[in-house]
Amino acid sequence: MKKVAVFASGNGSNFQAIIDAIKVDELSCEVAMLICDRPDAKCINRAETADIPTFAFIPKEFERKADYEAEILAKLQPLDVDLIVLAGYMRLIGGTLLSAYEGRIINIHPSLLPAFPGKDAIGQAFQAKVKVTGVTIHYVDEGMDTGPIIAQETVTVDEDETYESLEVKIQKVEHRLYPSTLNKLLAKI
């Protein structure tokens, strides 16, 4: 069975969607570890509930990004992780992980990239008053949301849309699209 490591920084709703898809046999893999850069994040509770090992760290406690990425690498290598899955991980991946997992790190982003990269893509789309936004799954490179696109799905923005209602619509697509796309990718590894 293929193994993934999920990186998250917050609530972990996409992490939970992956766990749930595995439980009902819609996704065929094992989550070998959760990596989190915020020891107080809700995603850690989700990992504990699902009995998934966690490595939580505080980036400021390391002199450089390469140092904490080396620590992450030391945790992942013994697990034979096939794919790194970013699910709301709010840090750019650096050279240490990119070289060790070249072509095997993916991210989900709540917009139709290249539109609205970076933080608060839903808010960016909402402020721009677009009629259509969506979800993108892409490979990770050294840039911010610049890697090759794997999958995209549109989300219509209604005239009476609120930020909150748009967020719910986007998350609904994310929670379905990420596990199905992961299944396709893992089948090729």
N, C-alpha and C. Protein backbone atom coordinates (compact mmCIF):
# COMPACT_ATOMS: atom_id res chain seq x y z
N MET A 1 0.84 -1.19 0.00
CA MET A 1 0.00 0.00 0.00
C MET A 1 0.88 1.24 0.00
N LYS A 2 0.50 2.22 -0.81
CA LYS A 2 1.24 3.48 -0.90
C LYS A 2 1.07 4.27 0.39
N LYS A 3 2.11 5.05 0.71
CA LYS A 3 2.09 5.85 1.93
C LYS A 3 2.21 7.33 1.59
N VAL A 4 1.41 8.13 2.30
CA VAL A 4 1.49 9.58 2.13
C VAL A 4 1.78 10.21 3.49
N ALA A 5 2.41 11.37 3.43
CA ALA A 5 2.56 12.23 4.60
C ALA A 5 1.75 13.48 4.29
N VAL A 6 0.91 13.88 5.22
CA VAL A 6 0.09 15.08 5.04
C VAL A 6 0.71 16.20 5.87
N PHE A 7 0.86 17.36 5.24
CA PHE A 7 1.35 18.56 5.92
C PHE A 7 0.17 19.51 6.07
N ALA A 8 -0.07 19.99 7.28
CA ALA A 8 -1.17 20.92 7.53
C ALA A 8 -0.76 21.92 8.60
N SER A 9 -1.44 23.06 8.62
CA SER A 9 -1.12 24.10 9.59
C SER A 9 -2.30 24.53 10.45
N GLY A 10 -3.50 24.09 10.13
CA GLY A 10 -4.66 24.63 10.83
C GLY A 10 -5.71 23.60 11.16
N ASN A 11 -6.92 23.88 10.73
CA ASN A 11 -8.08 23.06 11.04
C ASN A 11 -7.95 21.63 10.53
N GLY A 12 -7.46 21.48 9.33
CA GLY A 12 -7.25 20.13 8.79
C GLY A 12 -8.47 19.51 8.16
N SER A 13 -9.35 20.31 7.57
CA SER A 13 -10.55 19.73 6.96
C SER A 13 -10.21 18.87 5.74
N ASN A 14 -9.20 19.26 4.95
CA ASN A 14 -8.79 18.41 3.83
C ASN A 14 -8.08 17.15 4.33
N PHE A 15 -7.33 17.27 5.39
CA PHE A 15 -6.72 16.11 6.04
C PHE A 15 -7.81 15.14 6.48
N GLN A 16 -8.87 15.66 7.09
CA GLN A 16 -9.98 14.82 7.53
C GLN A 16 -10.68 14.17 6.34
N ALA A 17 -10.83 14.90 5.24
CA ALA A 17 -11.45 14.33 4.04
C ALA A 17 -10.63 13.15 3.52
N ILE A 18 -9.32 13.25 3.60
CA ILE A 18 -8.44 12.15 3.18
C ILE A 18 -8.63 10.95 4.12
N ILE A 19 -8.63 11.19 5.42
CA ILE A 19 -8.85 10.12 6.40
C ILE A 19 -10.19 9.44 6.14
N ASP A 20 -11.23 10.24 5.95
CA ASP A 20 -12.57 9.69 5.73
C ASP A 20 -12.65 8.88 4.45
N ALA A 21 -12.00 9.35 3.38
CA ALA A 21 -12.00 8.62 2.11
C ALA A 21 -11.29 7.27 2.24
N ILE A 22 -10.23 7.23 3.04
CA ILE A 22 -9.54 5.96 3.28
C ILE A 22 -10.45 4.99 4.03
N LYS A 23 -11.16 5.50 5.04
CA LYS A 23 -12.05 4.65 5.86
C LYS A 23 -13.13 3.97 5.04
N VAL A 24 -13.63 4.64 4.01
CA VAL A 24 -14.72 4.07 3.21
C VAL A 24 -14.22 3.49 1.89
N ASP A 25 -12.91 3.24 1.82
CA ASP A 25 -12.27 2.62 0.65
C ASP A 25 -12.43 3.41 -0.65
N GLU A 26 -12.54 4.73 -0.53
CA GLU A 26 -12.55 5.58 -1.73
C GLU A 26 -11.14 6.04 -2.08
N LEU A 27 -10.23 5.85 -1.14
CA LEU A 27 -8.83 6.23 -1.34
C LEU A 27 -7.97 5.09 -0.81
N SER A 28 -7.08 4.63 -1.65
CA SER A 28 -6.26 3.48 -1.28
C SER A 28 -4.84 3.93 -0.96
N CYS A 29 -4.62 4.24 0.30
CA CYS A 29 -3.28 4.58 0.78
C CYS A 29 -3.31 4.59 2.31
N GLU A 30 -2.13 4.80 2.87
CA GLU A 30 -2.00 4.94 4.31
C GLU A 30 -1.41 6.31 4.60
N VAL A 31 -1.99 7.03 5.56
CA VAL A 31 -1.37 8.28 6.01
C VAL A 31 -0.33 7.88 7.06
N ALA A 32 0.94 7.97 6.68
CA ALA A 32 2.03 7.52 7.55
C ALA A 32 2.33 8.53 8.65
N MET A 33 2.08 9.82 8.37
CA MET A 33 2.39 10.84 9.37
C MET A 33 1.74 12.16 8.99
N LEU A 34 1.38 12.93 10.01
CA LEU A 34 0.98 14.32 9.84
C LEU A 34 2.15 15.19 10.27
N ILE A 35 2.50 16.15 9.43
CA ILE A 35 3.53 17.13 9.74
C ILE A 35 2.82 18.46 9.95
N CYS A 36 3.07 19.12 11.08
CA CYS A 36 2.37 20.37 11.38
C CYS A 36 3.34 21.39 11.97
N ASP A 37 3.24 22.62 11.49
CA ASP A 37 4.12 23.69 11.95
C ASP A 37 3.48 24.54 13.06
N ARG A 38 2.37 24.06 13.60
CA ARG A 38 1.70 24.77 14.70
C ARG A 38 1.22 23.72 15.72
N PRO A 39 1.95 23.53 16.80
CA PRO A 39 1.62 22.49 17.77
C PRO A 39 0.22 22.60 18.38
N ASP A 40 -0.45 23.75 18.23
CA ASP A 40 -1.78 23.92 18.79
C ASP A 40 -2.90 23.77 17.74
N ALA A 41 -2.54 23.37 16.52
CA ALA A 41 -3.52 23.30 15.43
C ALA A 41 -4.50 22.15 15.62
N LYS A 42 -5.72 22.35 15.16
CA LYS A 42 -6.78 21.34 15.28
C LYS A 42 -6.46 20.06 14.50
N CYS A 43 -5.68 20.19 13.42
CA CYS A 43 -5.36 18.99 12.64
C CYS A 43 -4.63 17.94 13.48
N ILE A 44 -3.91 18.37 14.51
CA ILE A 44 -3.22 17.42 15.39
C ILE A 44 -4.23 16.57 16.15
N ASN A 45 -5.32 17.18 16.61
CA ASN A 45 -6.38 16.41 17.27
C ASN A 45 -6.98 15.40 16.31
N ARG A 46 -7.16 15.81 15.05
CA ARG A 46 -7.71 14.89 14.05
C ARG A 46 -6.78 13.69 13.85
N ALA A 47 -5.48 13.95 13.84
CA ALA A 47 -4.50 12.86 13.68
C ALA A 47 -4.54 11.92 14.88
N GLU A 48 -4.61 12.49 16.07
CA GLU A 48 -4.67 11.65 17.28
C GLU A 48 -5.91 10.78 17.27
N THR A 49 -7.05 11.34 16.89
CA THR A 49 -8.30 10.58 16.82
C THR A 49 -8.18 9.43 15.83
N ALA A 50 -7.48 9.64 14.73
CA ALA A 50 -7.32 8.61 13.70
C ALA A 50 -6.09 7.73 13.93
N ASP A 51 -5.41 7.94 15.06
CA ASP A 51 -4.22 7.16 15.41
C ASP A 51 -3.11 7.28 14.36
N ILE A 52 -2.91 8.51 13.89
CA ILE A 52 -1.87 8.80 12.91
C ILE A 52 -0.72 9.53 13.62
N PRO A 53 0.51 9.04 13.48
CA PRO A 53 1.65 9.70 14.11
C PRO A 53 1.80 11.14 13.62
N THR A 54 2.27 12.00 14.51
CA THR A 54 2.39 13.42 14.22
C THR A 54 3.78 13.93 14.56
N PHE A 55 4.27 14.81 13.71
CA PHE A 55 5.46 15.58 14.04
C PHE A 55 5.06 17.04 13.97
N ALA A 56 5.03 17.69 15.13
CA ALA A 56 4.70 19.12 15.21
C ALA A 56 5.96 19.86 15.63
N PHE A 57 6.17 21.00 15.01
CA PHE A 57 7.37 21.77 15.30
C PHE A 57 7.04 23.27 15.25
N ILE A 58 7.93 24.06 15.80
CA ILE A 58 7.80 25.51 15.77
C ILE A 58 8.96 26.04 14.92
N PRO A 59 8.66 26.56 13.74
CA PRO A 59 9.73 27.00 12.84
C PRO A 59 10.72 27.98 13.46
N LYS A 60 10.25 28.86 14.33
CA LYS A 60 11.13 29.87 14.94
C LYS A 60 12.21 29.25 15.82
N GLU A 61 12.01 28.00 16.21
CA GLU A 61 13.01 27.33 17.04
C GLU A 61 14.19 26.80 16.23
N PHE A 62 14.11 26.95 14.91
CA PHE A 62 15.19 26.51 14.03
C PHE A 62 15.84 27.73 13.40
N GLU A 63 17.13 27.64 13.19
CA GLU A 63 17.86 28.77 12.63
C GLU A 63 17.46 29.05 11.18
N ARG A 64 17.26 27.97 10.40
CA ARG A 64 16.92 28.12 8.99
C ARG A 64 15.85 27.11 8.58
N LYS A 65 15.19 27.40 7.48
CA LYS A 65 14.19 26.47 6.93
C LYS A 65 14.83 25.11 6.66
N ALA A 66 16.04 25.12 6.13
CA ALA A 66 16.72 23.86 5.82
C ALA A 66 16.87 22.99 7.06
N ASP A 67 17.00 23.61 8.23
CA ASP A 67 17.16 22.85 9.47
C ASP A 67 15.88 22.11 9.85
N TYR A 68 14.73 22.80 9.80
CA TYR A 68 13.51 22.07 10.16
C TYR A 68 13.09 21.12 9.05
N GLU A 69 13.42 21.44 7.81
CA GLU A 69 13.12 20.49 6.73
C GLU A 69 13.99 19.24 6.85
N ALA A 70 15.22 19.37 7.33
CA ALA A 70 16.07 18.20 7.56
C ALA A 70 15.48 17.33 8.66
N GLU A 71 14.92 17.97 9.67
CA GLU A 71 14.25 17.23 10.75
C GLU A 71 13.02 16.49 10.22
N ILE A 72 12.24 17.16 9.38
CA ILE A 72 11.07 16.51 8.76
C ILE A 72 11.53 15.32 7.92
N LEU A 73 12.56 15.52 7.13
CA LEU A 73 13.09 14.47 6.27
C LEU A 73 13.53 13.26 7.10
N ALA A 74 14.16 13.52 8.23
CA ALA A 74 14.59 12.43 9.11
C ALA A 74 13.40 11.64 9.66
N LYS A 75 12.25 12.30 9.83
CA LYS A 75 11.03 11.60 10.29
C LYS A 75 10.39 10.80 9.15
N LEU A 76 10.43 11.34 7.93
CA LEU A 76 9.73 10.72 6.81
C LEU A 76 10.49 9.57 6.16
N GLN A 77 11.81 9.69 6.03
CA GLN A 77 12.57 8.68 5.30
C GLN A 77 12.40 7.26 5.84
N PRO A 78 12.41 7.03 7.15
CA PRO A 78 12.21 5.66 7.63
C PRO A 78 10.81 5.09 7.32
N LEU A 79 9.87 5.98 7.00
CA LEU A 79 8.49 5.55 6.74
C LEU A 79 8.25 5.18 5.28
N ASP A 80 9.23 5.40 4.42
CA ASP A 80 9.09 5.12 2.99
C ASP A 80 7.86 5.80 2.39
N VAL A 81 7.76 7.10 2.62
CA VAL A 81 6.62 7.88 2.12
C VAL A 81 6.74 8.03 0.60
N ASP A 82 5.64 7.73 -0.08
CA ASP A 82 5.60 7.83 -1.54
C ASP A 82 5.25 9.23 -2.04
N LEU A 83 4.43 9.96 -1.26
CA LEU A 83 3.92 11.25 -1.71
C LEU A 83 3.71 12.16 -0.51
N ILE A 84 4.09 13.42 -0.66
CA ILE A 84 3.78 14.44 0.35
C ILE A 84 2.57 15.21 -0.14
N VAL A 85 1.58 15.33 0.74
CA VAL A 85 0.31 15.95 0.41
C VAL A 85 0.13 17.18 1.29
N LEU A 86 0.21 18.36 0.69
CA LEU A 86 -0.01 19.58 1.45
C LEU A 86 -1.51 19.85 1.53
N ALA A 87 -1.99 20.06 2.74
CA ALA A 87 -3.43 20.26 2.96
C ALA A 87 -3.60 21.43 3.93
N GLY A 88 -3.42 22.62 3.40
CA GLY A 88 -3.50 23.80 4.27
C GLY A 88 -2.22 24.05 5.02
N TYR A 89 -1.10 23.64 4.45
CA TYR A 89 0.21 23.89 5.04
C TYR A 89 0.64 25.28 4.57
N MET A 90 0.83 26.18 5.50
CA MET A 90 1.01 27.59 5.17
C MET A 90 2.47 28.03 5.07
N ARG A 91 3.32 27.12 4.61
CA ARG A 91 4.73 27.46 4.41
C ARG A 91 5.16 27.01 3.02
N LEU A 92 6.07 27.77 2.44
CA LEU A 92 6.66 27.34 1.18
C LEU A 92 7.62 26.19 1.46
N ILE A 93 7.61 25.21 0.59
CA ILE A 93 8.52 24.08 0.72
C ILE A 93 9.88 24.49 0.16
N GLY A 94 10.94 24.18 0.89
CA GLY A 94 12.29 24.56 0.49
C GLY A 94 13.04 23.44 -0.21
N GLY A 95 14.25 23.75 -0.55
CA GLY A 95 15.08 22.86 -1.34
C GLY A 95 15.35 21.50 -0.73
N THR A 96 15.42 21.41 0.60
CA THR A 96 15.71 20.13 1.25
C THR A 96 14.63 19.10 0.92
N LEU A 97 13.36 19.48 1.09
CA LEU A 97 12.26 18.55 0.79
C LEU A 97 12.02 18.43 -0.70
N LEU A 98 12.16 19.54 -1.44
CA LEU A 98 11.93 19.48 -2.89
C LEU A 98 12.90 18.53 -3.57
N SER A 99 14.15 18.52 -3.14
CA SER A 99 15.11 17.61 -3.77
C SER A 99 14.88 16.16 -3.35
N ALA A 100 14.51 15.94 -2.11
CA ALA A 100 14.28 14.57 -1.63
C ALA A 100 13.00 13.95 -2.21
N TYR A 101 12.00 14.79 -2.48
CA TYR A 101 10.72 14.30 -2.99
C TYR A 101 10.36 14.97 -4.31
N GLU A 102 11.33 15.10 -5.19
CA GLU A 102 11.11 15.78 -6.46
C GLU A 102 9.96 15.13 -7.24
N GLY A 103 8.99 15.96 -7.62
CA GLY A 103 7.84 15.47 -8.37
C GLY A 103 6.85 14.67 -7.55
N ARG A 104 7.04 14.65 -6.23
CA ARG A 104 6.17 13.85 -5.36
C ARG A 104 5.62 14.67 -4.20
N ILE A 105 5.44 15.98 -4.43
CA ILE A 105 4.81 16.86 -3.45
C ILE A 105 3.68 17.57 -4.17
N ILE A 106 2.47 17.47 -3.61
CA ILE A 106 1.32 18.12 -4.22
C ILE A 106 0.63 19.03 -3.21
N ASN A 107 -0.14 19.97 -3.74
CA ASN A 107 -0.84 20.94 -2.91
C ASN A 107 -2.24 21.15 -3.46
N ILE A 108 -3.14 21.52 -2.59
CA ILE A 108 -4.47 21.95 -2.99
C ILE A 108 -4.60 23.43 -2.68
N HIS A 109 -5.23 24.16 -3.61
CA HIS A 109 -5.35 25.61 -3.46
C HIS A 109 -6.77 26.04 -3.82
N PRO A 110 -7.38 26.91 -3.01
CA PRO A 110 -8.78 27.29 -3.23
C PRO A 110 -8.98 28.42 -4.25
N SER A 111 -8.44 28.21 -5.46
CA SER A 111 -8.71 29.12 -6.58
C SER A 111 -8.37 28.38 -7.86
N LEU A 112 -8.71 28.99 -8.98
CA LEU A 112 -8.31 28.44 -10.27
C LEU A 112 -6.97 29.08 -10.62
N LEU A 113 -5.91 28.46 -10.18
CA LEU A 113 -4.58 28.99 -10.48
C LEU A 113 -4.40 29.10 -11.99
N PRO A 114 -3.71 30.11 -12.47
CA PRO A 114 -2.82 31.00 -11.74
C PRO A 114 -3.51 32.17 -11.04
N ALA A 115 -4.82 32.26 -11.10
CA ALA A 115 -5.52 33.36 -10.43
C ALA A 115 -5.48 33.17 -8.92
N PHE A 116 -5.25 34.24 -8.20
CA PHE A 116 -5.32 34.31 -6.73
C PHE A 116 -4.42 33.31 -6.00
N PRO A 117 -3.12 33.35 -6.28
CA PRO A 117 -2.19 32.51 -5.52
C PRO A 117 -1.98 33.07 -4.12
N GLY A 118 -1.37 32.28 -3.27
CA GLY A 118 -1.00 32.75 -1.94
C GLY A 118 -2.14 32.71 -0.94
N LYS A 119 -1.97 33.53 0.11
CA LYS A 119 -2.90 33.54 1.23
C LYS A 119 -4.27 34.09 0.83
N ASP A 120 -5.29 33.57 1.50
CA ASP A 120 -6.67 34.02 1.40
C ASP A 120 -7.16 34.13 -0.05
N ALA A 121 -7.00 33.07 -0.80
CA ALA A 121 -7.44 33.05 -2.19
C ALA A 121 -8.95 33.25 -2.30
N ILE A 122 -9.70 32.72 -1.34
CA ILE A 122 -11.15 32.91 -1.36
C ILE A 122 -11.48 34.39 -1.19
N GLY A 123 -10.82 35.03 -0.24
CA GLY A 123 -11.02 36.47 -0.04
C GLY A 123 -10.60 37.28 -1.25
N GLN A 124 -9.50 36.89 -1.90
CA GLN A 124 -9.04 37.57 -3.11
C GLN A 124 -10.09 37.47 -4.21
N ALA A 125 -10.63 36.26 -4.40
CA ALA A 125 -11.66 36.06 -5.42
C ALA A 125 -12.92 36.85 -5.09
N PHE A 126 -13.29 36.82 -3.83
CA PHE A 126 -14.49 37.54 -3.38
C PHE A 126 -14.34 39.04 -3.61
N GLN A 127 -13.18 39.59 -3.25
CA GLN A 127 -12.92 41.02 -3.44
C GLN A 127 -12.89 41.41 -4.92
N ALA A 128 -12.41 40.50 -5.76
CA ALA A 128 -12.33 40.77 -7.20
C ALA A 128 -13.69 40.64 -7.88
N LYS A 129 -14.68 40.17 -7.12
CA LYS A 129 -16.05 40.01 -7.64
C LYS A 129 -16.12 39.12 -8.89
N VAL A 130 -15.32 38.05 -8.87
CA VAL A 130 -15.35 37.11 -9.99
C VAL A 130 -16.65 36.31 -9.98
N LYS A 131 -17.05 35.83 -11.14
CA LYS A 131 -18.27 35.03 -11.26
C LYS A 131 -17.96 33.54 -11.09
N VAL A 132 -16.69 33.19 -11.32
CA VAL A 132 -16.26 31.80 -11.21
C VAL A 132 -14.90 31.77 -10.53
N THR A 133 -14.75 30.87 -9.58
CA THR A 133 -13.46 30.58 -8.97
C THR A 133 -13.36 29.07 -8.93
N GLY A 134 -12.63 28.50 -7.99
CA GLY A 134 -12.56 27.04 -7.96
C GLY A 134 -11.47 26.50 -7.08
N VAL A 135 -11.03 25.31 -7.46
CA VAL A 135 -10.04 24.56 -6.69
C VAL A 135 -9.00 24.03 -7.67
N THR A 136 -7.74 24.11 -7.27
CA THR A 136 -6.63 23.58 -8.07
C THR A 136 -5.80 22.64 -7.23
N ILE A 137 -5.42 21.52 -7.83
CA ILE A 137 -4.43 20.62 -7.23
C ILE A 137 -3.22 20.68 -8.16
N HIS A 138 -2.05 20.92 -7.56
CA HIS A 138 -0.85 21.11 -8.38
C HIS A 138 0.38 20.52 -7.71
N TYR A 139 1.38 20.25 -8.54
CA TYR A 139 2.68 19.85 -8.01
C TYR A 139 3.33 21.07 -7.38
N VAL A 140 4.14 20.83 -6.37
CA VAL A 140 4.82 21.90 -5.66
C VAL A 140 6.21 22.09 -6.25
N ASP A 141 6.53 23.36 -6.50
CA ASP A 141 7.89 23.74 -6.87
C ASP A 141 8.35 24.81 -5.90
N GLU A 142 9.42 25.53 -6.23
CA GLU A 142 9.97 26.50 -5.28
C GLU A 142 9.15 27.78 -5.17
N GLY A 143 8.19 27.99 -6.06
CA GLY A 143 7.38 29.20 -6.03
C GLY A 143 6.13 29.04 -5.16
N MET A 144 5.34 30.12 -5.11
CA MET A 144 4.09 30.08 -4.35
C MET A 144 2.94 29.76 -5.30
N ASP A 145 2.47 28.53 -5.24
CA ASP A 145 1.34 28.07 -6.05
C ASP A 145 1.65 28.18 -7.55
N THR A 146 2.88 27.85 -7.94
CA THR A 146 3.31 27.99 -9.33
C THR A 146 3.59 26.67 -10.03
N GLY A 147 3.51 25.55 -9.33
CA GLY A 147 3.84 24.26 -9.93
C GLY A 147 2.82 23.80 -10.96
N PRO A 148 3.18 22.81 -11.76
CA PRO A 148 2.28 22.31 -12.80
C PRO A 148 0.94 21.83 -12.23
N ILE A 149 -0.12 22.19 -12.94
CA ILE A 149 -1.48 21.86 -12.49
C ILE A 149 -1.80 20.41 -12.81
N ILE A 150 -2.40 19.72 -11.84
CA ILE A 150 -2.82 18.33 -11.97
C ILE A 150 -4.31 18.26 -12.25
N ALA A 151 -5.10 19.02 -11.48
CA ALA A 151 -6.56 18.99 -11.63
C ALA A 151 -7.14 20.32 -11.19
N GLN A 152 -8.26 20.70 -11.81
CA GLN A 152 -8.98 21.90 -11.42
C GLN A 152 -10.48 21.65 -11.54
N GLU A 153 -11.23 22.34 -10.71
CA GLU A 153 -12.68 22.29 -10.81
C GLU A 153 -13.23 23.67 -10.47
N THR A 154 -14.21 24.11 -11.24
CA THR A 154 -14.77 25.44 -11.05
C THR A 154 -15.85 25.45 -9.96
N VAL A 155 -16.03 26.63 -9.38
CA VAL A 155 -17.08 26.90 -8.41
C VAL A 155 -17.70 28.24 -8.83
N THR A 156 -19.01 28.23 -9.02
CA THR A 156 -19.72 29.45 -9.40
C THR A 156 -19.92 30.34 -8.18
N VAL A 157 -19.71 31.63 -8.37
CA VAL A 157 -19.92 32.61 -7.31
C VAL A 157 -21.27 33.28 -7.58
N ASP A 158 -22.25 33.02 -6.73
CA ASP A 158 -23.59 33.58 -6.90
C ASP A 158 -23.60 35.07 -6.54
N GLU A 159 -24.60 35.78 -7.04
CA GLU A 159 -24.70 37.22 -6.79
C GLU A 159 -24.83 37.55 -5.31
N ASP A 160 -25.54 36.70 -4.57
CA ASP A 160 -25.75 36.95 -3.14
C ASP A 160 -24.74 36.20 -2.26
N GLU A 161 -23.66 35.76 -2.87
CA GLU A 161 -22.64 34.97 -2.16
C GLU A 161 -22.00 35.78 -1.03
N THR A 162 -21.75 35.11 0.09
CA THR A 162 -20.95 35.69 1.16
C THR A 162 -19.61 34.97 1.17
N TYR A 163 -18.65 35.55 1.85
CA TYR A 163 -17.35 34.88 1.98
C TYR A 163 -17.56 33.49 2.57
N GLU A 164 -18.37 33.41 3.61
CA GLU A 164 -18.59 32.14 4.31
C GLU A 164 -19.25 31.10 3.42
N SER A 165 -20.26 31.50 2.64
CA SER A 165 -20.96 30.54 1.77
C SER A 165 -20.03 30.08 0.64
N LEU A 166 -19.18 30.99 0.14
CA LEU A 166 -18.23 30.61 -0.90
C LEU A 166 -17.19 29.64 -0.35
N GLU A 167 -16.74 29.88 0.86
CA GLU A 167 -15.78 28.98 1.50
C GLU A 167 -16.37 27.58 1.64
N VAL A 168 -17.62 27.48 2.03
CA VAL A 168 -18.28 26.18 2.17
C VAL A 168 -18.35 25.47 0.82
N LYS A 169 -18.72 26.20 -0.23
CA LYS A 169 -18.80 25.59 -1.57
C LYS A 169 -17.44 25.10 -2.04
N ILE A 170 -16.41 25.90 -1.81
CA ILE A 170 -15.06 25.51 -2.22
C ILE A 170 -14.58 24.29 -1.44
N GLN A 171 -14.81 24.29 -0.13
CA GLN A 171 -14.38 23.14 0.68
C GLN A 171 -15.10 21.86 0.27
N LYS A 172 -16.34 21.96 -0.11
CA LYS A 172 -17.08 20.78 -0.56
C LYS A 172 -16.39 20.16 -1.79
N VAL A 173 -15.98 21.03 -2.72
CA VAL A 173 -15.26 20.55 -3.91
C VAL A 173 -13.90 19.98 -3.50
N GLU A 174 -13.17 20.69 -2.65
CA GLU A 174 -11.85 20.22 -2.20
C GLU A 174 -11.94 18.82 -1.60
N HIS A 175 -12.91 18.62 -0.72
CA HIS A 175 -13.01 17.37 0.03
C HIS A 175 -13.36 16.18 -0.86
N ARG A 176 -13.90 16.43 -2.03
CA ARG A 176 -14.18 15.37 -2.99
C ARG A 176 -13.03 15.23 -3.98
N LEU A 177 -12.53 16.38 -4.49
CA LEU A 177 -11.52 16.36 -5.54
C LEU A 177 -10.15 15.87 -5.06
N TYR A 178 -9.76 16.22 -3.85
CA TYR A 178 -8.41 15.83 -3.39
C TYR A 178 -8.27 14.31 -3.26
N PRO A 179 -9.18 13.63 -2.55
CA PRO A 179 -9.03 12.17 -2.48
C PRO A 179 -9.08 11.48 -3.85
N SER A 180 -9.97 11.91 -4.73
CA SER A 180 -10.06 11.24 -6.04
C SER A 180 -8.80 11.49 -6.87
N THR A 181 -8.25 12.69 -6.80
CA THR A 181 -7.02 12.99 -7.52
C THR A 181 -5.84 12.23 -6.92
N LEU A 182 -5.80 12.14 -5.60
CA LEU A 182 -4.74 11.36 -4.93
C LEU A 182 -4.76 9.91 -5.39
N ASN A 183 -5.94 9.34 -5.49
CA ASN A 183 -6.07 7.95 -5.94
C ASN A 183 -5.44 7.77 -7.32
N LYS A 184 -5.73 8.69 -8.22
CA LYS A 184 -5.18 8.60 -9.59
C LYS A 184 -3.66 8.74 -9.58
N LEU A 185 -3.15 9.67 -8.80
CA LEU A 185 -1.70 9.87 -8.72
C LEU A 185 -0.99 8.67 -8.11
N LEU A 186 -1.53 8.16 -7.03
CA LEU A 186 -0.90 7.03 -6.35
C LEU A 186 -0.88 5.77 -7.20
N ALA A 187 -1.86 5.63 -8.06
CA ALA A 187 -1.92 4.48 -8.96
C ALA A 187 -0.76 4.50 -9.96
N LYS A 188 -0.21 5.68 -10.22
CA LYS A 188 0.88 5.83 -11.19
C LYS A 188 2.27 5.69 -10.55
N ILE A 189 2.32 5.72 -9.22
CA ILE A 189 3.62 5.67 -8.53
C ILE A 189 4.08 4.22 -8.37
